[in-house]
PDB file of N, CA and C in Angstrom:
ATOM      1  N   MET A   1       0.853  -1.180   0.000  1.00  0.00           N
ATOM      2  CA  MET A   1       0.000   0.000   0.000  1.00  0.00           C
ATOM      3  C   MET A   1       0.892   1.233   0.000  1.00  0.00           C
ATOM      4  N   GLU A   2       0.341   2.300  -0.398  1.00  0.00           N
ATOM      5  CA  GLU A   2       1.063   3.557  -0.547  1.00  0.00           C
ATOM      6  C   GLU A   2       1.770   3.970   0.745  1.00  0.00           C
ATOM      7  N   GLY A   3       2.963   4.499   0.587  1.00  0.00           N
ATOM      8  CA  GLY A   3       3.740   4.952   1.734  1.00  0.00           C
ATOM      9  C   GLY A   3       4.308   3.813   2.557  1.00  0.00           C
ATOM     10  N   GLY A   4       4.219   2.591   2.050  1.00  0.00           N
ATOM     11  CA  GLY A   4       4.750   1.435   2.768  1.00  0.00           C
ATOM     12  C   GLY A   4       3.913   1.000   3.962  1.00  0.00           C
ATOM     13  N   ARG A   5       2.758   1.603   4.131  1.00  0.00           N
ATOM     14  CA  ARG A   5       1.892   1.254   5.263  1.00  0.00           C
ATOM     15  C   ARG A   5       0.872   0.210   4.849  1.00  0.00           C
ATOM     16  N   PRO A   6       0.555  -0.719   5.718  1.00  0.00           N
ATOM     17  CA  PRO A   6      -0.485  -1.711   5.413  1.00  0.00           C
ATOM     18  C   PRO A   6      -1.853  -1.049   5.230  1.00  0.00           C
ATOM     19  N   VAL A   7      -2.667  -1.668   4.416  1.00  0.00           N
ATOM     20  CA  VAL A   7      -3.984  -1.121   4.103  1.00  0.00           C
ATOM     21  C   VAL A   7      -4.831  -0.893   5.352  1.00  0.00           C
ATOM     22  N   TRP A   8      -4.710  -1.784   6.334  1.00  0.00           N
ATOM     23  CA  TRP A   8      -5.555  -1.644   7.518  1.00  0.00           C
ATOM     24  C   TRP A   8      -5.129  -0.486   8.402  1.00  0.00           C
ATOM     25  N   GLU A   9      -3.858  -0.078   8.347  1.00  0.00           N
ATOM     26  CA  GLU A   9      -3.442   1.137   9.070  1.00  0.00           C
ATOM     27  C   GLU A   9      -4.079   2.364   8.427  1.00  0.00           C
ATOM     28  N   TRP A  10      -4.058   2.392   7.094  1.00  0.00           N
ATOM     29  CA  TRP A  10      -4.712   3.498   6.394  1.00  0.00           C
ATOM     30  C   TRP A  10      -6.210   3.512   6.706  1.00  0.00           C
ATOM     31  N   PHE A  11      -6.807   2.344   6.687  1.00  0.00           N
ATOM     32  CA  PHE A  11      -8.237   2.240   6.971  1.00  0.00           C
ATOM     33  C   PHE A  11      -8.549   2.845   8.340  1.00  0.00           C
ATOM     34  N   GLN A  12      -7.781   2.471   9.347  1.00  0.00           N
ATOM     35  CA  GLN A  12      -8.024   2.986  10.694  1.00  0.00           C
ATOM     36  C   GLN A  12      -7.817   4.494  10.758  1.00  0.00           C
ATOM     37  N   ASP A  13      -6.800   5.004  10.104  1.00  0.00           N
ATOM     38  CA  ASP A  13      -6.579   6.455  10.090  1.00  0.00           C
ATOM     39  C   ASP A  13      -7.736   7.194   9.424  1.00  0.00           C
ATOM     40  N   LEU A  14      -8.237   6.668   8.322  1.00  0.00           N
ATOM     41  CA  LEU A  14      -9.261   7.367   7.552  1.00  0.00           C
ATOM     42  C   LEU A  14     -10.678   7.177   8.081  1.00  0.00           C
ATOM     43  N   PHE A  15     -10.944   6.041   8.755  1.00  0.00           N
ATOM     44  CA  PHE A  15     -12.293   5.763   9.231  1.00  0.00           C
ATOM     45  C   PHE A  15     -12.402   5.709  10.752  1.00  0.00           C
ATOM     46  N   GLY A  16     -11.298   5.936  11.448  1.00  0.00           N
ATOM     47  CA  GLY A  16     -11.332   6.058  12.896  1.00  0.00           C
ATOM     48  C   GLY A  16     -11.353   4.761  13.686  1.00  0.00           C
ATOM     49  N   GLU A  17     -11.509   3.645  13.019  1.00  0.00           N
ATOM     50  CA  GLU A  17     -11.563   2.353  13.709  1.00  0.00           C
ATOM     51  C   GLU A  17     -11.456   1.236  12.680  1.00  0.00           C
ATOM     52  N   LEU A  18     -11.274   0.045  13.178  1.00  0.00           N
ATOM     53  CA  LEU A  18     -11.248  -1.141  12.322  1.00  0.00           C
ATOM     54  C   LEU A  18     -12.526  -1.939  12.515  1.00  0.00           C
ATOM     55  N   PRO A  19     -13.020  -2.563  11.457  1.00  0.00           N
ATOM     56  CA  PRO A  19     -14.185  -3.425  11.630  1.00  0.00           C
ATOM     57  C   PRO A  19     -13.798  -4.690  12.389  1.00  0.00           C
ATOM     58  N   PRO A  20     -14.751  -5.338  13.046  1.00  0.00           N
ATOM     59  CA  PRO A  20     -14.429  -6.589  13.734  1.00  0.00           C
ATOM     60  C   PRO A  20     -14.022  -7.654  12.708  1.00  0.00           C
ATOM     61  N   PRO A  21     -13.169  -8.580  13.123  1.00  0.00           N
ATOM     62  CA  PRO A  21     -12.669  -9.610  12.190  1.00  0.00           C
ATOM     63  C   PRO A  21     -13.768 -10.394  11.475  1.00  0.00           C
ATOM     64  N   ASN A  22     -14.907 -10.603  12.116  1.00  0.00           N
ATOM     65  CA  ASN A  22     -15.969 -11.366  11.464  1.00  0.00           C
ATOM     66  C   ASN A  22     -16.679 -10.578  10.359  1.00  0.00           C
ATOM     67  N   LYS A  23     -16.347  -9.304  10.197  1.00  0.00           N
ATOM     68  CA  LYS A  23     -16.927  -8.473   9.130  1.00  0.00           C
ATOM     69  C   LYS A  23     -15.938  -8.241   7.990  1.00  0.00           C
ATOM     70  N   VAL A  24     -14.751  -8.846   8.092  1.00  0.00           N
ATOM     71  CA  VAL A  24     -13.701  -8.657   7.096  1.00  0.00           C
ATOM     72  C   VAL A  24     -13.463  -9.963   6.351  1.00  0.00           C
ATOM     73  N   LYS A  25     -13.335  -9.862   5.037  1.00  0.00           N
ATOM     74  CA  LYS A  25     -12.965 -11.008   4.213  1.00  0.00           C
ATOM     75  C   LYS A  25     -11.989 -10.503   3.164  1.00  0.00           C
ATOM     76  N   GLN A  26     -10.723 -10.886   3.325  1.00  0.00           N
ATOM     77  CA  GLN A  26      -9.639 -10.431   2.460  1.00  0.00           C
ATOM     78  C   GLN A  26      -9.611  -8.905   2.417  1.00  0.00           C
ATOM     79  N   MET A  27      -9.861  -8.310   1.275  1.00  0.00           N
ATOM     80  CA  MET A  27      -9.807  -6.847   1.159  1.00  0.00           C
ATOM     81  C   MET A  27     -11.208  -6.239   1.050  1.00  0.00           C
ATOM     82  N   THR A  28     -12.172  -6.868   1.711  1.00  0.00           N
ATOM     83  CA  THR A  28     -13.532  -6.333   1.724  1.00  0.00           C
ATOM     84  C   THR A  28     -14.043  -6.277   3.159  1.00  0.00           C
ATOM     85  N   VAL A  29     -14.983  -5.382   3.367  1.00  0.00           N
ATOM     86  CA  VAL A  29     -15.666  -5.256   4.660  1.00  0.00           C
ATOM     87  C   VAL A  29     -17.154  -5.409   4.376  1.00  0.00           C
ATOM     88  N   HIS A  30     -17.828  -6.160   5.205  1.00  0.00           N
ATOM     89  CA  HIS A  30     -19.249  -6.392   4.989  1.00  0.00           C
ATOM     90  C   HIS A  30     -20.001  -5.061   5.038  1.00  0.00           C
ATOM     91  N   PHE A  31     -20.905  -4.870   4.078  1.00  0.00           N
ATOM     92  CA  PHE A  31     -21.654  -3.627   3.958  1.00  0.00           C
ATOM     93  C   PHE A  31     -22.410  -3.288   5.234  1.00  0.00           C
ATOM     94  N   THR A  32     -22.968  -4.290   5.916  1.00  0.00           N
ATOM     95  CA  THR A  32     -23.764  -3.995   7.111  1.00  0.00           C
ATOM     96  C   THR A  32     -22.946  -3.293   8.183  1.00  0.00           C
ATOM     97  N   TRP A  33     -21.637  -3.614   8.289  1.00  0.00           N
ATOM     98  CA  TRP A  33     -20.819  -2.922   9.283  1.00  0.00           C
ATOM     99  C   TRP A  33     -20.722  -1.442   8.937  1.00  0.00           C
ATOM    100  N   PHE A  34     -20.425  -1.129   7.672  1.00  0.00           N
ATOM    101  CA  PHE A  34     -20.371   0.277   7.263  1.00  0.00           C
ATOM    102  C   PHE A  34     -21.713   0.948   7.513  1.00  0.00           C
ATOM    103  N   HIS A  35     -22.775   0.304   7.111  1.00  0.00           N
ATOM    104  CA  HIS A  35     -24.111   0.893   7.236  1.00  0.00           C
ATOM    105  C   HIS A  35     -24.479   1.135   8.700  1.00  0.00           C
ATOM    106  N   GLU A  36     -24.282   0.140   9.539  1.00  0.00           N
ATOM    107  CA  GLU A  36     -24.622   0.288  10.956  1.00  0.00           C
ATOM    108  C   GLU A  36     -23.738   1.311  11.657  1.00  0.00           C
ATOM    109  N   ARG A  37     -22.483   1.348  11.273  1.00  0.00           N
ATOM    110  CA  ARG A  37     -21.526   2.227  11.954  1.00  0.00           C
ATOM    111  C   ARG A  37     -21.638   3.689  11.514  1.00  0.00           C
ATOM    112  N   PHE A  38     -21.911   3.937  10.241  1.00  0.00           N
ATOM    113  CA  PHE A  38     -21.818   5.299   9.704  1.00  0.00           C
ATOM    114  C   PHE A  38     -23.124   5.860   9.149  1.00  0.00           C
ATOM    115  N   ARG A  39     -24.255   5.182   9.308  1.00  0.00           N
ATOM    116  CA  ARG A  39     -25.489   5.650   8.670  1.00  0.00           C
ATOM    117  C   ARG A  39     -26.077   6.891   9.320  1.00  0.00           C
ATOM    118  N   VAL A  40     -25.835   7.081  10.611  1.00  0.00           N
ATOM    119  CA  VAL A  40     -26.408   8.234  11.313  1.00  0.00           C
ATOM    120  C   VAL A  40     -25.279   9.126  11.825  1.00  0.00           C
ATOM    121  N   LEU A  41     -25.351  10.369  11.449  1.00  0.00           N
ATOM    122  CA  LEU A  41     -24.387  11.355  11.932  1.00  0.00           C
ATOM    123  C   LEU A  41     -24.921  11.937  13.232  1.00  0.00           C
ATOM    124  N   PRO A  42     -24.173  11.817  14.323  1.00  0.00           N
ATOM    125  CA  PRO A  42     -24.659  12.360  15.598  1.00  0.00           C
ATOM    126  C   PRO A  42     -24.904  13.869  15.516  1.00  0.00           C
ATOM    127  N   ALA A  43     -25.888  14.328  16.248  1.00  0.00           N
ATOM    128  CA  ALA A  43     -26.228  15.754  16.247  1.00  0.00           C
ATOM    129  C   ALA A  43     -25.054  16.604  16.724  1.00  0.00           C
ATOM    130  N   ASP A  44     -24.250  16.068  17.631  1.00  0.00           N
ATOM    131  CA  ASP A  44     -23.119  16.824  18.172  1.00  0.00           C
ATOM    132  C   ASP A  44     -21.786  16.411  17.515  1.00  0.00           C
ATOM    133  N   ALA A  45     -21.853  15.963  16.272  1.00  0.00           N
ATOM    134  CA  ALA A  45     -20.661  15.466  15.576  1.00  0.00           C
ATOM    135  C   ALA A  45     -19.593  16.542  15.437  1.00  0.00           C
ATOM    136  N   THR A  46     -18.362  16.134  15.671  1.00  0.00           N
ATOM    137  CA  THR A  46     -17.236  17.028  15.455  1.00  0.00           C
ATOM    138  C   THR A  46     -16.942  17.096  13.961  1.00  0.00           C
ATOM    139  N   GLU A  47     -16.104  18.023  13.578  1.00  0.00           N
ATOM    140  CA  GLU A  47     -15.701  18.148  12.182  1.00  0.00           C
ATOM    141  C   GLU A  47     -15.054  16.855  11.680  1.00  0.00           C
ATOM    142  N   GLU A  48     -14.229  16.244  12.519  1.00  0.00           N
ATOM    143  CA  GLU A  48     -13.571  15.002  12.129  1.00  0.00           C
ATOM    144  C   GLU A  48     -14.575  13.866  11.956  1.00  0.00           C
ATOM    145  N   THR A  49     -15.592  13.802  12.808  1.00  0.00           N
ATOM    146  CA  THR A  49     -16.628  12.784  12.667  1.00  0.00           C
ATOM    147  C   THR A  49     -17.385  12.961  11.355  1.00  0.00           C
ATOM    148  N   VAL A  50     -17.669  14.186  10.990  1.00  0.00           N
ATOM    149  CA  VAL A  50     -18.330  14.463   9.705  1.00  0.00           C
ATOM    150  C   VAL A  50     -17.458  13.980   8.554  1.00  0.00           C
ATOM    151  N   ARG A  51     -16.164  14.248   8.619  1.00  0.00           N
ATOM    152  CA  ARG A  51     -15.242  13.787   7.569  1.00  0.00           C
ATOM    153  C   ARG A  51     -15.224  12.260   7.469  1.00  0.00           C
ATOM    154  N   ILE A  52     -15.140  11.598   8.608  1.00  0.00           N
ATOM    155  CA  ILE A  52     -15.107  10.136   8.625  1.00  0.00           C
ATOM    156  C   ILE A  52     -16.394   9.568   8.025  1.00  0.00           C
ATOM    157  N   CYS A  53     -17.539  10.101   8.415  1.00  0.00           N
ATOM    158  CA  CYS A  53     -18.812   9.617   7.876  1.00  0.00           C
ATOM    159  C   CYS A  53     -18.922   9.893   6.377  1.00  0.00           C
ATOM    160  N   ALA A  54     -18.423  11.030   5.938  1.00  0.00           N
ATOM    161  CA  ALA A  54     -18.428  11.338   4.502  1.00  0.00           C
ATOM    162  C   ALA A  54     -17.557  10.355   3.734  1.00  0.00           C
ATOM    163  N   ARG A  55     -16.378  10.043   4.262  1.00  0.00           N
ATOM    164  CA  ARG A  55     -15.505   9.057   3.612  1.00  0.00           C
ATOM    165  C   ARG A  55     -16.197   7.700   3.526  1.00  0.00           C
ATOM    166  N   ALA A  56     -16.838   7.302   4.608  1.00  0.00           N
ATOM    167  CA  ALA A  56     -17.531   6.009   4.633  1.00  0.00           C
ATOM    168  C   ALA A  56     -18.666   5.990   3.613  1.00  0.00           C
ATOM    169  N   TYR A  57     -19.404   7.071   3.522  1.00  0.00           N
ATOM    170  CA  TYR A  57     -20.507   7.151   2.572  1.00  0.00           C
ATOM    171  C   TYR A  57     -19.990   7.052   1.140  1.00  0.00           C
ATOM    172  N   ILE A  58     -18.932   7.766   0.846  1.00  0.00           N
ATOM    173  CA  ILE A  58     -18.329   7.707  -0.492  1.00  0.00           C
ATOM    174  C   ILE A  58     -17.835   6.294  -0.784  1.00  0.00           C
ATOM    175  N   MET A  59     -17.195   5.672   0.190  1.00  0.00           N
ATOM    176  CA  MET A  59     -16.693   4.309   0.014  1.00  0.00           C
ATOM    177  C   MET A  59     -17.851   3.346  -0.261  1.00  0.00           C
ATOM    178  N   MET A  60     -18.955   3.495   0.467  1.00  0.00           N
ATOM    179  CA  MET A  60     -20.111   2.627   0.237  1.00  0.00           C
ATOM    180  C   MET A  60     -20.691   2.852  -1.155  1.00  0.00           C
ATOM    181  N   LEU A  61     -20.780   4.101  -1.569  1.00  0.00           N
ATOM    182  CA  LEU A  61     -21.300   4.386  -2.911  1.00  0.00           C
ATOM    183  C   LEU A  61     -20.418   3.775  -3.997  1.00  0.00           C
ATOM    184  N   LEU A  62     -19.128   3.992  -3.873  1.00  0.00           N
ATOM    185  CA  LEU A  62     -18.207   3.435  -4.864  1.00  0.00           C
ATOM    186  C   LEU A  62     -18.330   1.924  -4.957  1.00  0.00           C
ATOM    187  N   SER A  63     -18.403   1.290  -3.825  1.00  0.00           N
ATOM    188  CA  SER A  63     -18.326  -0.165  -3.791  1.00  0.00           C
ATOM    189  C   SER A  63     -19.661  -0.877  -3.985  1.00  0.00           C
ATOM    190  N   THR A  64     -20.774  -0.216  -3.736  1.00  0.00           N
ATOM    191  CA  THR A  64     -22.058  -0.911  -3.865  1.00  0.00           C
ATOM    192  C   THR A  64     -22.907  -0.390  -5.019  1.00  0.00           C
ATOM    193  N   GLN A  65     -22.840   0.887  -5.297  1.00  0.00           N
ATOM    194  CA  GLN A  65     -23.694   1.460  -6.339  1.00  0.00           C
ATOM    195  C   GLN A  65     -22.989   1.587  -7.685  1.00  0.00           C
ATOM    196  N   LEU A  66     -21.754   2.038  -7.648  1.00  0.00           N
ATOM    197  CA  LEU A  66     -21.053   2.300  -8.901  1.00  0.00           C
ATOM    198  C   LEU A  66     -20.285   1.097  -9.431  1.00  0.00           C
ATOM    199  N   PHE A  67     -19.544   0.431  -8.565  1.00  0.00           N
ATOM    200  CA  PHE A  67     -18.686  -0.660  -8.994  1.00  0.00           C
ATOM    201  C   PHE A  67     -18.838  -1.889  -8.109  1.00  0.00           C
ATOM    202  N   GLY A  68     -20.025  -2.182  -7.697  1.00  0.00           N
ATOM    203  CA  GLY A  68     -20.250  -3.265  -6.746  1.00  0.00           C
ATOM    204  C   GLY A  68     -20.099  -4.653  -7.331  1.00  0.00           C
ATOM    205  N   ASP A  69     -19.907  -5.598  -6.421  1.00  0.00           N
ATOM    206  CA  ASP A  69     -19.912  -6.989  -6.864  1.00  0.00           C
ATOM    207  C   ASP A  69     -21.360  -7.429  -7.050  1.00  0.00           C
ATOM    208  N   LYS A  70     -21.551  -8.625  -7.543  1.00  0.00           N
ATOM    209  CA  LYS A  70     -22.907  -9.093  -7.850  1.00  0.00           C
ATOM    210  C   LYS A  70     -23.803  -9.145  -6.629  1.00  0.00           C
ATOM    211  N   SER A  71     -23.256  -9.489  -5.494  1.00  0.00           N
ATOM    212  CA  SER A  71     -24.073  -9.587  -4.291  1.00  0.00           C
ATOM    213  C   SER A  71     -24.315  -8.223  -3.653  1.00  0.00           C
ATOM    214  N   ALA A  72     -23.451  -7.250  -3.924  1.00  0.00           N
ATOM    215  CA  ALA A  72     -23.554  -5.884  -3.379  1.00  0.00           C
ATOM    216  C   ALA A  72     -23.616  -5.870  -1.854  1.00  0.00           C
ATOM    217  N   ASN A  73     -22.973  -6.840  -1.211  1.00  0.00           N
ATOM    218  CA  ASN A  73     -22.998  -6.858   0.250  1.00  0.00           C
ATOM    219  C   ASN A  73     -21.621  -6.648   0.865  1.00  0.00           C
ATOM    220  N   ARG A  74     -20.649  -6.274   0.050  1.00  0.00           N
ATOM    221  CA  ARG A  74     -19.298  -6.045   0.545  1.00  0.00           C
ATOM    222  C   ARG A  74     -18.765  -4.727   0.011  1.00  0.00           C
ATOM    223  N   VAL A  75     -18.008  -4.044   0.853  1.00  0.00           N
ATOM    224  CA  VAL A  75     -17.338  -2.803   0.462  1.00  0.00           C
ATOM    225  C   VAL A  75     -15.890  -3.167   0.172  1.00  0.00           C
ATOM    226  N   HIS A  76     -15.481  -2.987  -1.063  1.00  0.00           N
ATOM    227  CA  HIS A  76     -14.124  -3.329  -1.483  1.00  0.00           C
ATOM    228  C   HIS A  76     -13.189  -2.185  -1.123  1.00  0.00           C
ATOM    229  N   ILE A  77     -12.254  -2.462  -0.247  1.00  0.00           N
ATOM    230  CA  ILE A  77     -11.406  -1.370   0.229  1.00  0.00           C
ATOM    231  C   ILE A  77     -10.086  -1.258  -0.498  1.00  0.00           C
ATOM    232  N   GLY A  78      -9.620  -2.321  -1.115  1.00  0.00           N
ATOM    233  CA  GLY A  78      -8.296  -2.315  -1.737  1.00  0.00           C
ATOM    234  C   GLY A  78      -8.074  -1.146  -2.681  1.00  0.00           C
ATOM    235  N   CYS A  79      -8.798  -1.120  -3.780  1.00  0.00           N
ATOM    236  CA  CYS A  79      -8.561  -0.076  -4.783  1.00  0.00           C
ATOM    237  C   CYS A  79      -9.203   1.253  -4.402  1.00  0.00           C
ATOM    238  N   TYR A  80     -10.364   1.221  -3.747  1.00  0.00           N
ATOM    239  CA  TYR A  80     -11.040   2.475  -3.427  1.00  0.00           C
ATOM    240  C   TYR A  80     -10.352   3.248  -2.307  1.00  0.00           C
ATOM    241  N   LEU A  81      -9.683   2.542  -1.426  1.00  0.00           N
ATOM    242  CA  LEU A  81      -8.944   3.221  -0.361  1.00  0.00           C
ATOM    243  C   LEU A  81      -7.825   4.079  -0.954  1.00  0.00           C
ATOM    244  N   GLN A  82      -7.306   3.667  -2.105  1.00  0.00           N
ATOM    245  CA  GLN A  82      -6.262   4.437  -2.786  1.00  0.00           C
ATOM    246  C   GLN A  82      -6.727   5.865  -3.085  1.00  0.00           C
ATOM    247  N   VAL A  83      -7.996   6.027  -3.415  1.00  0.00           N
ATOM    248  CA  VAL A  83      -8.542   7.367  -3.694  1.00  0.00           C
ATOM    249  C   VAL A  83      -8.360   8.271  -2.484  1.00  0.00           C
ATOM    250  N   PHE A  84      -8.679   7.767  -1.311  1.00  0.00           N
ATOM    251  CA  PHE A  84      -8.559   8.550  -0.088  1.00  0.00           C
ATOM    252  C   PHE A  84      -7.096   8.794   0.281  1.00  0.00           C
ATOM    253  N   ILE A  85      -6.259   7.798   0.064  1.00  0.00           N
ATOM    254  CA  ILE A  85      -4.832   7.944   0.394  1.00  0.00           C
ATOM    255  C   ILE A  85      -4.192   9.005  -0.491  1.00  0.00           C
ATOM    256  N   ARG A  86      -4.489   8.996  -1.767  1.00  0.00           N
ATOM    257  CA  ARG A  86      -3.935  10.015  -2.672  1.00  0.00           C
ATOM    258  C   ARG A  86      -4.427  11.408  -2.282  1.00  0.00           C
ATOM    259  N   SER A  87      -5.694  11.520  -1.917  1.00  0.00           N
ATOM    260  CA  SER A  87      -6.234  12.807  -1.483  1.00  0.00           C
ATOM    261  C   SER A  87      -5.563  13.258  -0.193  1.00  0.00           C
ATOM    262  N   TYR A  88      -5.290  12.316   0.693  1.00  0.00           N
ATOM    263  CA  TYR A  88      -4.599  12.617   1.944  1.00  0.00           C
ATOM    264  C   TYR A  88      -3.210  13.186   1.648  1.00  0.00           C
ATOM    265  N   HIS A  89      -2.469  12.539   0.741  1.00  0.00           N
ATOM    266  CA  HIS A  89      -1.117  12.996   0.409  1.00  0.00           C
ATOM    267  C   HIS A  89      -1.132  14.376  -0.244  1.00  0.00           C
ATOM    268  N   LYS A  90      -2.191  14.699  -0.941  1.00  0.00           N
ATOM    269  CA  LYS A  90      -2.302  16.011  -1.595  1.00  0.00           C
ATOM    270  C   LYS A  90      -2.838  17.067  -0.651  1.00  0.00           C
ATOM    271  N   GLY A  91      -3.164  16.660   0.574  1.00  0.00           N
ATOM    272  CA  GLY A  91      -3.674  17.615   1.559  1.00  0.00           C
ATOM    273  C   GLY A  91      -5.148  17.908   1.415  1.00  0.00           C
ATOM    274  N   LEU A  92      -5.857  17.112   0.610  1.00  0.00           N
ATOM    275  CA  LEU A  92      -7.287  17.346   0.406  1.00  0.00           C
ATOM    276  C   LEU A  92      -8.130  16.743   1.512  1.00  0.00           C
ATOM    277  N   ILE A  93      -7.571  15.779   2.243  1.00  0.00           N
ATOM    278  CA  ILE A  93      -8.282  15.147   3.343  1.00  0.00           C
ATOM    279  C   ILE A  93      -7.418  15.286   4.588  1.00  0.00           C
ATOM    280  N   SER A  94      -8.008  15.755   5.665  1.00  0.00           N
ATOM    281  CA  SER A  94      -7.271  15.806   6.904  1.00  0.00           C
ATOM    282  C   SER A  94      -7.550  14.547   7.696  1.00  0.00           C
ATOM    283  N   HIS A  95      -6.695  14.252   8.651  1.00  0.00           N
ATOM    284  CA  HIS A  95      -6.881  13.063   9.487  1.00  0.00           C
ATOM    285  C   HIS A  95      -6.407  13.374  10.892  1.00  0.00           C
ATOM    286  N   THR A  96      -6.723  12.512  11.801  1.00  0.00           N
ATOM    287  CA  THR A  96      -6.258  12.686  13.166  1.00  0.00           C
ATOM    288  C   THR A  96      -4.933  11.963  13.316  1.00  0.00           C
ATOM    289  N   SER A  97      -4.052  12.487  14.111  1.00  0.00           N
ATOM    290  CA  SER A  97      -2.790  11.793  14.351  1.00  0.00           C
ATOM    291  C   SER A  97      -2.459  11.783  15.811  1.00  0.00           C
TER     292      SER A  97
END
């Protein structure tokens, strides 16, 4: 993965947490985890929480609506995470450190 970092480190930086192991299969995350975790933006959401939820929403759209697999029940993180990583390197996306 870009910058020599494993994909799951990037995932945690960009989405604030890792999905539980039973929701991960190779380079995909089960759609229900994304949906349950990011579907509602808290009323008192911080700016960073809004960014994380926006990233998750974009990731779900890319992986289920635009370029989904036949079952449409998995979010493919391998190639789509690259979009966020490149934006991060260009300074278009901020993250917590």
